[in-house]
Amino acid sequence: QVQLVESGGGLVHTGGSLRLSCAASGSIAGINAMGWHRQAPGKQRELVAHITNGGSTDYADSVKGRFTISRDDAKNTVYLQMNSLKPEDTAVYYCNAVVTVYRDYIRRVYDYWGQGTQVTVSS
């Protein structure tokens, strides 16, 4: 079984910074893409940032230039550095990872999600 555990959320003022972390644990053969999504009250979940196992990144237009996604493969961890935070960044942030595992000697690929961490930006 694979688990993703997020940390680093909290309450900040407009213009502040937070760094989210998401650590994957379990019987992991490899981690492919990793990403951060968010869901604000009454809105659909949206992709915030994405990073491939080759290090290529992609960002939502609303966070470009303010957020930076990175990963440490030795620690099976993905990070999201969030700077210049705005009230509209308030949401529950979820990490996800596309993970390769071996079960019954068969290579399988699954998409796992964390439990979410609250980020609140006050005006």
N, C-alpha and C. Protein backbone atom coordinates (compact mmCIF):
# COMPACT_ATOMS: atom_id res chain seq x y z
N GLN A 1 0.85 -1.20 0.00
CA GLN A 1 0.00 0.00 0.00
C GLN A 1 0.88 1.24 0.00
N VAL A 2 0.43 2.27 -0.69
CA VAL A 2 1.17 3.53 -0.79
C VAL A 2 0.35 4.63 -0.13
N GLN A 3 1.02 5.47 0.62
CA GLN A 3 0.36 6.61 1.26
C GLN A 3 1.07 7.90 0.90
N LEU A 4 0.30 8.96 0.73
CA LEU A 4 0.84 10.30 0.53
C LEU A 4 0.41 11.14 1.72
N VAL A 5 1.36 11.79 2.35
CA VAL A 5 1.06 12.61 3.52
C VAL A 5 1.55 14.03 3.27
N GLU A 6 0.59 14.97 3.29
CA GLU A 6 0.92 16.38 3.05
C GLU A 6 1.16 17.10 4.37
N SER A 7 1.93 18.16 4.30
CA SER A 7 2.15 19.02 5.46
C SER A 7 2.51 20.41 4.97
N GLY A 8 2.43 21.38 5.88
CA GLY A 8 2.88 22.72 5.55
C GLY A 8 1.79 23.74 5.33
N GLY A 9 0.53 23.31 5.35
CA GLY A 9 -0.55 24.28 5.19
C GLY A 9 -0.68 25.17 6.41
N GLY A 10 -1.53 26.19 6.29
CA GLY A 10 -1.74 27.09 7.42
C GLY A 10 -2.40 28.37 7.00
N LEU A 11 -2.32 29.35 7.91
CA LEU A 11 -2.93 30.66 7.70
C LEU A 11 -1.83 31.70 7.52
N VAL A 12 -1.91 32.46 6.43
CA VAL A 12 -0.95 33.52 6.18
C VAL A 12 -1.69 34.76 5.70
N HIS A 13 -1.01 35.90 5.78
CA HIS A 13 -1.58 37.13 5.25
C HIS A 13 -1.26 37.26 3.77
N THR A 14 -1.99 38.10 3.10
CA THR A 14 -1.71 38.38 1.69
C THR A 14 -0.26 38.80 1.52
N GLY A 15 0.38 38.20 0.50
CA GLY A 15 1.79 38.48 0.24
C GLY A 15 2.75 37.54 0.94
N GLY A 16 2.23 36.71 1.82
CA GLY A 16 3.06 35.78 2.56
C GLY A 16 3.43 34.55 1.74
N SER A 17 4.16 33.64 2.39
CA SER A 17 4.65 32.44 1.73
C SER A 17 4.37 31.21 2.59
N LEU A 18 4.22 30.11 1.90
CA LEU A 18 4.11 28.81 2.54
C LEU A 18 4.82 27.79 1.67
N ARG A 19 5.29 26.73 2.31
CA ARG A 19 5.89 25.63 1.57
C ARG A 19 5.17 24.34 1.95
N LEU A 20 4.54 23.73 0.97
CA LEU A 20 3.86 22.46 1.18
C LEU A 20 4.80 21.30 0.84
N SER A 21 4.66 20.23 1.60
CA SER A 21 5.42 19.02 1.34
C SER A 21 4.46 17.85 1.24
N CYS A 22 4.84 16.86 0.45
CA CYS A 22 4.04 15.64 0.32
C CYS A 22 5.00 14.47 0.18
N ALA A 23 4.98 13.60 1.17
CA ALA A 23 5.88 12.46 1.18
C ALA A 23 5.12 11.18 0.88
N ALA A 24 5.65 10.41 -0.04
CA ALA A 24 5.06 9.13 -0.40
C ALA A 24 5.81 8.01 0.32
N SER A 25 5.06 7.05 0.82
CA SER A 25 5.67 5.92 1.51
C SER A 25 4.94 4.64 1.15
N GLY A 26 5.64 3.52 1.34
CA GLY A 26 5.04 2.23 1.03
C GLY A 26 5.92 1.45 0.06
N SER A 27 5.32 0.46 -0.55
CA SER A 27 6.05 -0.42 -1.47
C SER A 27 6.11 0.21 -2.85
N ILE A 28 7.02 1.15 -2.99
CA ILE A 28 7.12 1.96 -4.21
C ILE A 28 8.27 1.47 -5.07
N ALA A 29 7.99 1.14 -6.31
CA ALA A 29 9.04 0.78 -7.25
C ALA A 29 9.57 2.01 -7.96
N GLY A 30 8.71 2.98 -8.13
CA GLY A 30 9.11 4.22 -8.78
C GLY A 30 7.96 5.21 -8.78
N ILE A 31 8.30 6.48 -8.84
CA ILE A 31 7.27 7.52 -8.90
C ILE A 31 7.41 8.26 -10.22
N ASN A 32 6.35 8.33 -10.96
CA ASN A 32 6.37 9.00 -12.24
C ASN A 32 6.03 10.48 -12.01
N ALA A 33 4.93 10.95 -12.52
CA ALA A 33 4.56 12.35 -12.34
C ALA A 33 4.03 12.60 -10.93
N MET A 34 4.23 13.81 -10.45
CA MET A 34 3.67 14.25 -9.17
C MET A 34 3.05 15.62 -9.38
N GLY A 35 2.06 15.93 -8.57
CA GLY A 35 1.41 17.21 -8.77
C GLY A 35 0.68 17.70 -7.55
N TRP A 36 0.29 18.95 -7.63
CA TRP A 36 -0.52 19.58 -6.60
C TRP A 36 -1.81 20.10 -7.25
N HIS A 37 -2.91 19.85 -6.59
CA HIS A 37 -4.21 20.34 -6.99
C HIS A 37 -4.80 21.11 -5.81
N ARG A 38 -5.83 21.89 -6.08
CA ARG A 38 -6.50 22.58 -4.99
C ARG A 38 -8.00 22.65 -5.26
N GLN A 39 -8.74 22.77 -4.18
CA GLN A 39 -10.19 22.89 -4.29
C GLN A 39 -10.68 23.92 -3.28
N ALA A 40 -11.25 24.97 -3.81
CA ALA A 40 -11.83 26.02 -2.97
C ALA A 40 -13.31 25.70 -2.73
N PRO A 41 -13.89 26.23 -1.68
CA PRO A 41 -15.31 25.95 -1.40
C PRO A 41 -16.20 26.32 -2.57
N GLY A 42 -17.05 25.39 -2.98
CA GLY A 42 -17.98 25.64 -4.06
C GLY A 42 -17.38 25.58 -5.44
N LYS A 43 -16.11 25.21 -5.53
CA LYS A 43 -15.44 25.15 -6.84
C LYS A 43 -14.92 23.75 -7.10
N GLN A 44 -14.65 23.50 -8.37
CA GLN A 44 -14.09 22.20 -8.74
C GLN A 44 -12.59 22.15 -8.41
N ARG A 45 -12.10 20.94 -8.22
CA ARG A 45 -10.67 20.76 -7.99
C ARG A 45 -9.93 21.14 -9.27
N GLU A 46 -8.82 21.85 -9.10
CA GLU A 46 -8.05 22.28 -10.26
C GLU A 46 -6.57 21.95 -10.07
N LEU A 47 -5.91 21.73 -11.20
CA LEU A 47 -4.47 21.48 -11.17
C LEU A 47 -3.74 22.78 -10.90
N VAL A 48 -2.81 22.73 -9.97
CA VAL A 48 -2.00 23.90 -9.64
C VAL A 48 -0.62 23.79 -10.30
N ALA A 49 0.02 22.64 -10.11
CA ALA A 49 1.36 22.45 -10.66
C ALA A 49 1.62 20.96 -10.83
N HIS A 50 2.52 20.66 -11.76
CA HIS A 50 2.78 19.28 -12.14
C HIS A 50 4.26 19.14 -12.46
N ILE A 51 4.85 18.01 -12.07
CA ILE A 51 6.27 17.79 -12.38
C ILE A 51 6.45 16.34 -12.79
N THR A 52 7.15 16.12 -13.89
CA THR A 52 7.40 14.76 -14.37
C THR A 52 8.62 14.17 -13.68
N ASN A 53 8.86 12.89 -13.91
CA ASN A 53 10.04 12.27 -13.30
C ASN A 53 11.31 12.76 -13.98
N GLY A 54 11.17 13.44 -15.11
CA GLY A 54 12.32 14.06 -15.75
C GLY A 54 12.56 15.49 -15.30
N GLY A 55 11.65 15.99 -14.47
CA GLY A 55 11.82 17.35 -13.95
C GLY A 55 11.10 18.44 -14.72
N SER A 56 10.38 18.08 -15.75
CA SER A 56 9.60 19.09 -16.48
C SER A 56 8.41 19.53 -15.64
N THR A 57 8.15 20.83 -15.66
CA THR A 57 7.09 21.38 -14.82
C THR A 57 6.03 22.10 -15.65
N ASP A 58 4.87 22.21 -15.06
CA ASP A 58 3.76 22.93 -15.68
C ASP A 58 2.95 23.56 -14.56
N TYR A 59 2.41 24.76 -14.82
CA TYR A 59 1.68 25.49 -13.80
C TYR A 59 0.38 26.05 -14.34
N ALA A 60 -0.59 26.20 -13.45
CA ALA A 60 -1.79 26.92 -13.81
C ALA A 60 -1.41 28.38 -14.04
N ASP A 61 -2.09 29.03 -14.96
CA ASP A 61 -1.76 30.42 -15.27
C ASP A 61 -1.85 31.30 -14.02
N SER A 62 -2.79 31.00 -13.15
CA SER A 62 -3.03 31.83 -11.97
C SER A 62 -1.88 31.81 -10.96
N VAL A 63 -0.99 30.83 -11.07
CA VAL A 63 0.11 30.73 -10.08
C VAL A 63 1.48 30.88 -10.71
N LYS A 64 1.55 31.02 -12.02
CA LYS A 64 2.85 31.15 -12.69
C LYS A 64 3.60 32.36 -12.15
N GLY A 65 4.87 32.15 -11.86
CA GLY A 65 5.69 33.23 -11.34
C GLY A 65 5.63 33.38 -9.84
N ARG A 66 4.66 32.70 -9.21
CA ARG A 66 4.52 32.79 -7.74
C ARG A 66 4.79 31.46 -7.06
N PHE A 67 4.41 30.37 -7.69
CA PHE A 67 4.56 29.03 -7.11
C PHE A 67 5.66 28.26 -7.83
N THR A 68 6.36 27.42 -7.09
CA THR A 68 7.39 26.57 -7.68
C THR A 68 7.23 25.15 -7.15
N ILE A 69 7.12 24.21 -8.07
CA ILE A 69 7.04 22.80 -7.69
C ILE A 69 8.42 22.17 -7.86
N SER A 70 8.77 21.28 -6.94
CA SER A 70 10.03 20.56 -7.03
C SER A 70 9.84 19.19 -6.39
N ARG A 71 10.82 18.31 -6.60
CA ARG A 71 10.73 16.98 -6.04
C ARG A 71 12.10 16.49 -5.60
N ASP A 72 12.10 15.64 -4.59
CA ASP A 72 13.31 14.99 -4.12
C ASP A 72 13.05 13.50 -4.23
N ASP A 73 13.58 12.87 -5.25
CA ASP A 73 13.29 11.47 -5.50
C ASP A 73 13.90 10.56 -4.43
N ALA A 74 14.98 11.00 -3.83
CA ALA A 74 15.59 10.19 -2.75
C ALA A 74 14.66 10.09 -1.55
N LYS A 75 13.80 11.10 -1.39
CA LYS A 75 12.87 11.12 -0.26
C LYS A 75 11.43 10.84 -0.69
N ASN A 76 11.23 10.58 -1.99
CA ASN A 76 9.87 10.36 -2.52
C ASN A 76 8.94 11.51 -2.10
N THR A 77 9.44 12.71 -2.24
CA THR A 77 8.71 13.88 -1.74
C THR A 77 8.60 14.94 -2.84
N VAL A 78 7.43 15.57 -2.89
CA VAL A 78 7.20 16.69 -3.78
C VAL A 78 6.89 17.92 -2.93
N TYR A 79 7.36 19.07 -3.37
CA TYR A 79 7.19 20.32 -2.65
C TYR A 79 6.45 21.33 -3.51
N LEU A 80 5.80 22.27 -2.84
CA LEU A 80 5.20 23.40 -3.53
C LEU A 80 5.54 24.64 -2.72
N GLN A 81 6.44 25.45 -3.27
CA GLN A 81 6.78 26.72 -2.65
C GLN A 81 5.80 27.77 -3.18
N MET A 82 5.08 28.40 -2.27
CA MET A 82 4.06 29.37 -2.67
C MET A 82 4.44 30.74 -2.11
N ASN A 83 4.68 31.66 -3.01
CA ASN A 83 5.05 33.03 -2.63
C ASN A 83 3.98 34.00 -3.10
N SER A 84 4.01 35.20 -2.55
CA SER A 84 3.07 36.26 -2.94
C SER A 84 1.64 35.74 -2.91
N LEU A 85 1.29 35.10 -1.84
CA LEU A 85 -0.03 34.48 -1.75
C LEU A 85 -1.14 35.51 -1.75
N LYS A 86 -2.25 35.13 -2.35
CA LYS A 86 -3.43 35.99 -2.48
C LYS A 86 -4.63 35.30 -1.83
N PRO A 87 -5.63 36.06 -1.44
CA PRO A 87 -6.83 35.43 -0.86
C PRO A 87 -7.44 34.37 -1.76
N GLU A 88 -7.36 34.57 -3.07
CA GLU A 88 -7.93 33.58 -4.00
C GLU A 88 -7.14 32.28 -4.06
N ASP A 89 -6.00 32.22 -3.39
CA ASP A 89 -5.26 30.96 -3.29
C ASP A 89 -5.80 30.09 -2.15
N THR A 90 -6.72 30.62 -1.37
CA THR A 90 -7.31 29.86 -0.28
C THR A 90 -8.03 28.64 -0.80
N ALA A 91 -7.66 27.48 -0.29
CA ALA A 91 -8.23 26.22 -0.75
C ALA A 91 -7.64 25.07 0.05
N VAL A 92 -8.19 23.90 -0.14
CA VAL A 92 -7.53 22.68 0.34
C VAL A 92 -6.62 22.20 -0.79
N TYR A 93 -5.37 21.97 -0.46
CA TYR A 93 -4.38 21.56 -1.45
C TYR A 93 -4.13 20.06 -1.31
N TYR A 94 -4.18 19.39 -2.43
CA TYR A 94 -3.99 17.94 -2.47
C TYR A 94 -2.79 17.61 -3.36
N CYS A 95 -1.97 16.69 -2.91
CA CYS A 95 -0.92 16.20 -3.79
C CYS A 95 -1.36 14.88 -4.41
N ASN A 96 -0.81 14.58 -5.55
CA ASN A 96 -1.04 13.27 -6.14
C ASN A 96 0.25 12.78 -6.78
N ALA A 97 0.33 11.48 -6.91
CA ALA A 97 1.52 10.86 -7.50
C ALA A 97 1.12 9.64 -8.30
N VAL A 98 1.73 9.50 -9.45
CA VAL A 98 1.54 8.30 -10.27
C VAL A 98 2.68 7.36 -9.91
N VAL A 99 2.33 6.26 -9.29
CA VAL A 99 3.32 5.39 -8.65
C VAL A 99 3.34 4.02 -9.29
N THR A 100 4.53 3.51 -9.52
CA THR A 100 4.70 2.15 -10.01
C THR A 100 4.95 1.21 -8.83
N VAL A 101 4.16 0.14 -8.77
CA VAL A 101 4.35 -0.87 -7.72
C VAL A 101 4.39 -2.24 -8.39
N TYR A 102 4.89 -3.21 -7.66
CA TYR A 102 4.85 -4.59 -8.13
C TYR A 102 3.96 -5.39 -7.20
N ARG A 103 2.92 -5.98 -7.78
CA ARG A 103 2.02 -6.83 -7.00
C ARG A 103 1.86 -8.14 -7.75
N ASP A 104 2.09 -9.22 -7.05
CA ASP A 104 2.03 -10.55 -7.67
C ASP A 104 2.98 -10.61 -8.86
N TYR A 105 4.14 -9.94 -8.71
CA TYR A 105 5.19 -9.96 -9.72
C TYR A 105 4.78 -9.24 -11.01
N ILE A 106 3.73 -8.47 -10.93
CA ILE A 106 3.27 -7.74 -12.10
C ILE A 106 3.45 -6.26 -11.85
N ARG A 107 4.01 -5.57 -12.82
CA ARG A 107 4.19 -4.12 -12.71
C ARG A 107 2.84 -3.44 -12.90
N ARG A 108 2.50 -2.61 -11.93
CA ARG A 108 1.22 -1.89 -11.98
C ARG A 108 1.48 -0.41 -11.70
N VAL A 109 0.64 0.42 -12.28
CA VAL A 109 0.77 1.87 -12.10
C VAL A 109 -0.55 2.39 -11.55
N TYR A 110 -0.45 3.12 -10.43
CA TYR A 110 -1.65 3.65 -9.78
C TYR A 110 -1.48 5.14 -9.54
N ASP A 111 -2.61 5.82 -9.43
CA ASP A 111 -2.66 7.24 -9.11
C ASP A 111 -3.11 7.38 -7.66
N TYR A 112 -2.26 7.93 -6.82
CA TYR A 112 -2.58 8.09 -5.41
C TYR A 112 -2.77 9.56 -5.06
N TRP A 113 -3.59 9.78 -4.03
CA TRP A 113 -3.87 11.15 -3.57
C TRP A 113 -3.63 11.26 -2.07
N GLY A 114 -3.19 12.46 -1.66
CA GLY A 114 -3.08 12.74 -0.24
C GLY A 114 -4.42 13.15 0.34
N GLN A 115 -4.42 13.40 1.63
CA GLN A 115 -5.67 13.71 2.33
C GLN A 115 -6.02 15.20 2.25
N GLY A 116 -5.09 16.01 1.82
CA GLY A 116 -5.34 17.44 1.69
C GLY A 116 -4.83 18.24 2.88
N THR A 117 -4.40 19.46 2.60
CA THR A 117 -3.97 20.37 3.66
C THR A 117 -4.56 21.75 3.36
N GLN A 118 -5.07 22.39 4.39
CA GLN A 118 -5.76 23.67 4.21
C GLN A 118 -4.76 24.81 4.12
N VAL A 119 -4.95 25.65 3.12
CA VAL A 119 -4.20 26.90 2.99
C VAL A 119 -5.21 28.04 3.01
N THR A 120 -5.03 28.96 3.93
CA THR A 120 -5.92 30.11 4.06
C THR A 120 -5.10 31.38 3.99
N VAL A 121 -5.47 32.27 3.07
CA VAL A 121 -4.77 33.54 2.90
C VAL A 121 -5.74 34.65 3.28
N SER A 122 -5.40 35.39 4.31
CA SER A 122 -6.28 36.47 4.77
C SER A 122 -5.91 37.77 4.08
N SER A 123 -6.94 38.59 3.85
CA SER A 123 -6.69 39.88 3.18
C SER A 123 -6.34 40.96 4.18
